[in-house]
């Protein structure tokens, strides 16, 4: 997924997704100069974020 796709998926502003990525709060990796995200990593991250809220 691209930064644009992950932003839409998480319903975040692209700048917010980019900031979270730079702060290493979102699981991502670089391909050349572009950030990429695995949907499975994002889904795991969401699950981890929501586990303490039950």
N, C-alpha and C. Protein backbone atom coordinates (compact mmCIF):
# COMPACT_ATOMS: atom_id res chain seq x y z
N UNK A 1 0.85 -1.17 0.00
CA UNK A 1 0.00 0.00 0.00
C UNK A 1 0.90 1.24 0.00
N UNK A 2 0.44 2.29 -0.63
CA UNK A 2 1.15 3.56 -0.62
C UNK A 2 0.68 4.40 0.56
N UNK A 3 1.34 5.52 0.78
CA UNK A 3 0.93 6.42 1.86
C UNK A 3 -0.50 6.91 1.63
N UNK A 4 -0.85 7.14 0.37
CA UNK A 4 -2.21 7.60 0.04
C UNK A 4 -3.23 6.50 0.36
N UNK A 5 -2.90 5.26 0.00
CA UNK A 5 -3.82 4.14 0.25
C UNK A 5 -3.97 3.85 1.74
N UNK A 6 -2.86 3.88 2.47
CA UNK A 6 -2.95 3.61 3.91
C UNK A 6 -3.68 4.74 4.63
N UNK A 7 -3.53 5.97 4.15
CA UNK A 7 -4.26 7.10 4.73
C UNK A 7 -5.76 6.91 4.55
N UNK A 8 -6.16 6.51 3.36
CA UNK A 8 -7.58 6.27 3.09
C UNK A 8 -8.10 5.10 3.92
N UNK A 9 -7.31 4.04 4.01
CA UNK A 9 -7.69 2.85 4.76
C UNK A 9 -7.90 3.17 6.25
N UNK A 10 -7.02 4.00 6.80
CA UNK A 10 -7.10 4.36 8.22
C UNK A 10 -7.93 5.61 8.46
N UNK A 11 -8.41 6.22 7.37
CA UNK A 11 -9.18 7.47 7.45
C UNK A 11 -8.39 8.55 8.18
N UNK A 12 -7.13 8.71 7.73
CA UNK A 12 -6.23 9.73 8.27
C UNK A 12 -5.85 10.70 7.17
N UNK A 13 -5.46 11.88 7.56
CA UNK A 13 -4.86 12.81 6.63
C UNK A 13 -3.51 12.24 6.21
N UNK A 14 -3.10 12.44 4.98
CA UNK A 14 -1.82 11.91 4.50
C UNK A 14 -0.65 12.42 5.34
N UNK A 15 -0.71 13.68 5.77
CA UNK A 15 0.36 14.25 6.59
C UNK A 15 0.46 13.52 7.93
N UNK A 16 -0.69 13.16 8.50
CA UNK A 16 -0.70 12.43 9.77
C UNK A 16 -0.10 11.04 9.59
N UNK A 17 -0.47 10.35 8.53
CA UNK A 17 0.09 9.02 8.26
C UNK A 17 1.59 9.11 8.04
N UNK A 18 2.03 10.13 7.33
CA UNK A 18 3.46 10.32 7.08
C UNK A 18 4.20 10.59 8.39
N UNK A 19 3.61 11.43 9.25
CA UNK A 19 4.23 11.74 10.54
C UNK A 19 4.34 10.48 11.41
N UNK A 20 3.27 9.70 11.47
CA UNK A 20 3.29 8.46 12.25
C UNK A 20 4.33 7.47 11.71
N UNK A 21 4.49 7.47 10.39
CA UNK A 21 5.49 6.61 9.77
C UNK A 21 6.89 7.05 10.17
N UNK A 22 7.16 8.35 10.08
CA UNK A 22 8.48 8.87 10.45
C UNK A 22 8.78 8.65 11.92
N UNK A 23 7.75 8.68 12.76
CA UNK A 23 7.91 8.44 14.20
C UNK A 23 7.98 6.95 14.52
N UNK A 24 7.93 6.12 13.48
CA UNK A 24 7.98 4.65 13.60
C UNK A 24 6.81 4.10 14.40
N UNK A 25 5.67 4.79 14.32
CA UNK A 25 4.47 4.31 14.99
C UNK A 25 3.62 3.46 14.05
N UNK A 26 3.80 3.63 12.75
CA UNK A 26 3.14 2.80 11.75
C UNK A 26 4.18 1.89 11.12
N UNK A 27 3.88 0.60 10.97
CA UNK A 27 4.84 -0.31 10.34
C UNK A 27 4.95 -0.04 8.84
N UNK A 28 6.15 0.29 8.39
CA UNK A 28 6.36 0.65 6.99
C UNK A 28 7.78 0.30 6.57
N UNK A 29 8.00 0.33 5.27
CA UNK A 29 9.35 0.14 4.73
C UNK A 29 9.48 1.00 3.48
N UNK A 30 10.70 1.29 3.11
CA UNK A 30 10.93 2.16 1.97
C UNK A 30 11.29 1.35 0.73
N UNK A 31 10.75 1.78 -0.39
CA UNK A 31 11.11 1.26 -1.70
C UNK A 31 11.60 2.49 -2.46
N UNK A 32 12.90 2.59 -2.63
CA UNK A 32 13.47 3.81 -3.21
C UNK A 32 13.20 4.96 -2.27
N UNK A 33 12.53 5.98 -2.76
CA UNK A 33 12.21 7.15 -1.94
C UNK A 33 10.78 7.11 -1.40
N UNK A 34 10.04 6.04 -1.69
CA UNK A 34 8.63 5.96 -1.32
C UNK A 34 8.40 5.00 -0.16
N UNK A 35 7.49 5.38 0.72
CA UNK A 35 7.08 4.50 1.81
C UNK A 35 6.04 3.51 1.30
N UNK A 36 6.12 2.28 1.79
CA UNK A 36 5.15 1.24 1.45
C UNK A 36 4.71 0.55 2.75
N UNK A 37 3.50 0.02 2.71
CA UNK A 37 2.89 -0.61 3.87
C UNK A 37 2.27 -1.93 3.45
N UNK A 38 2.47 -2.96 4.27
CA UNK A 38 1.79 -4.24 4.02
C UNK A 38 0.45 -4.18 4.75
N UNK A 39 -0.61 -4.53 4.06
CA UNK A 39 -1.94 -4.49 4.67
C UNK A 39 -1.99 -5.38 5.91
N UNK A 40 -1.35 -6.53 5.86
CA UNK A 40 -1.35 -7.44 7.01
C UNK A 40 -0.66 -6.78 8.22
N UNK A 41 0.42 -6.02 7.99
CA UNK A 41 1.09 -5.32 9.08
C UNK A 41 0.21 -4.23 9.66
N UNK A 42 -0.51 -3.52 8.79
CA UNK A 42 -1.41 -2.46 9.24
C UNK A 42 -2.56 -3.06 10.04
N UNK A 43 -3.11 -4.18 9.56
CA UNK A 43 -4.20 -4.84 10.28
C UNK A 43 -3.73 -5.32 11.66
N UNK A 44 -2.52 -5.85 11.75
CA UNK A 44 -1.96 -6.27 13.04
C UNK A 44 -1.76 -5.07 13.96
N UNK A 45 -1.29 -3.96 13.39
CA UNK A 45 -1.09 -2.73 14.15
C UNK A 45 -2.41 -2.24 14.72
N UNK A 46 -3.47 -2.28 13.91
CA UNK A 46 -4.81 -1.86 14.36
C UNK A 46 -5.26 -2.75 15.52
N UNK A 47 -5.09 -4.05 15.35
CA UNK A 47 -5.49 -4.99 16.40
C UNK A 47 -4.74 -4.70 17.70
N UNK A 48 -3.46 -4.45 17.60
CA UNK A 48 -2.64 -4.16 18.76
C UNK A 48 -3.07 -2.86 19.43
N UNK A 49 -3.44 -1.85 18.63
CA UNK A 49 -3.87 -0.55 19.16
C UNK A 49 -5.19 -0.67 19.91
N UNK A 50 -6.06 -1.56 19.47
CA UNK A 50 -7.40 -1.66 20.05
C UNK A 50 -7.51 -2.71 21.16
N UNK A 51 -6.47 -3.50 21.38
CA UNK A 51 -6.54 -4.56 22.41
C UNK A 51 -6.74 -4.00 23.81
N UNK A 52 -6.15 -2.89 24.14
CA UNK A 52 -6.26 -2.32 25.48
C UNK A 52 -7.56 -1.56 25.71
N UNK A 53 -8.38 -1.42 24.68
CA UNK A 53 -9.61 -0.61 24.80
C UNK A 53 -10.85 -1.45 25.05
N UNK A 54 -10.71 -2.72 25.30
CA UNK A 54 -11.88 -3.59 25.49
C UNK A 54 -12.39 -3.52 26.90
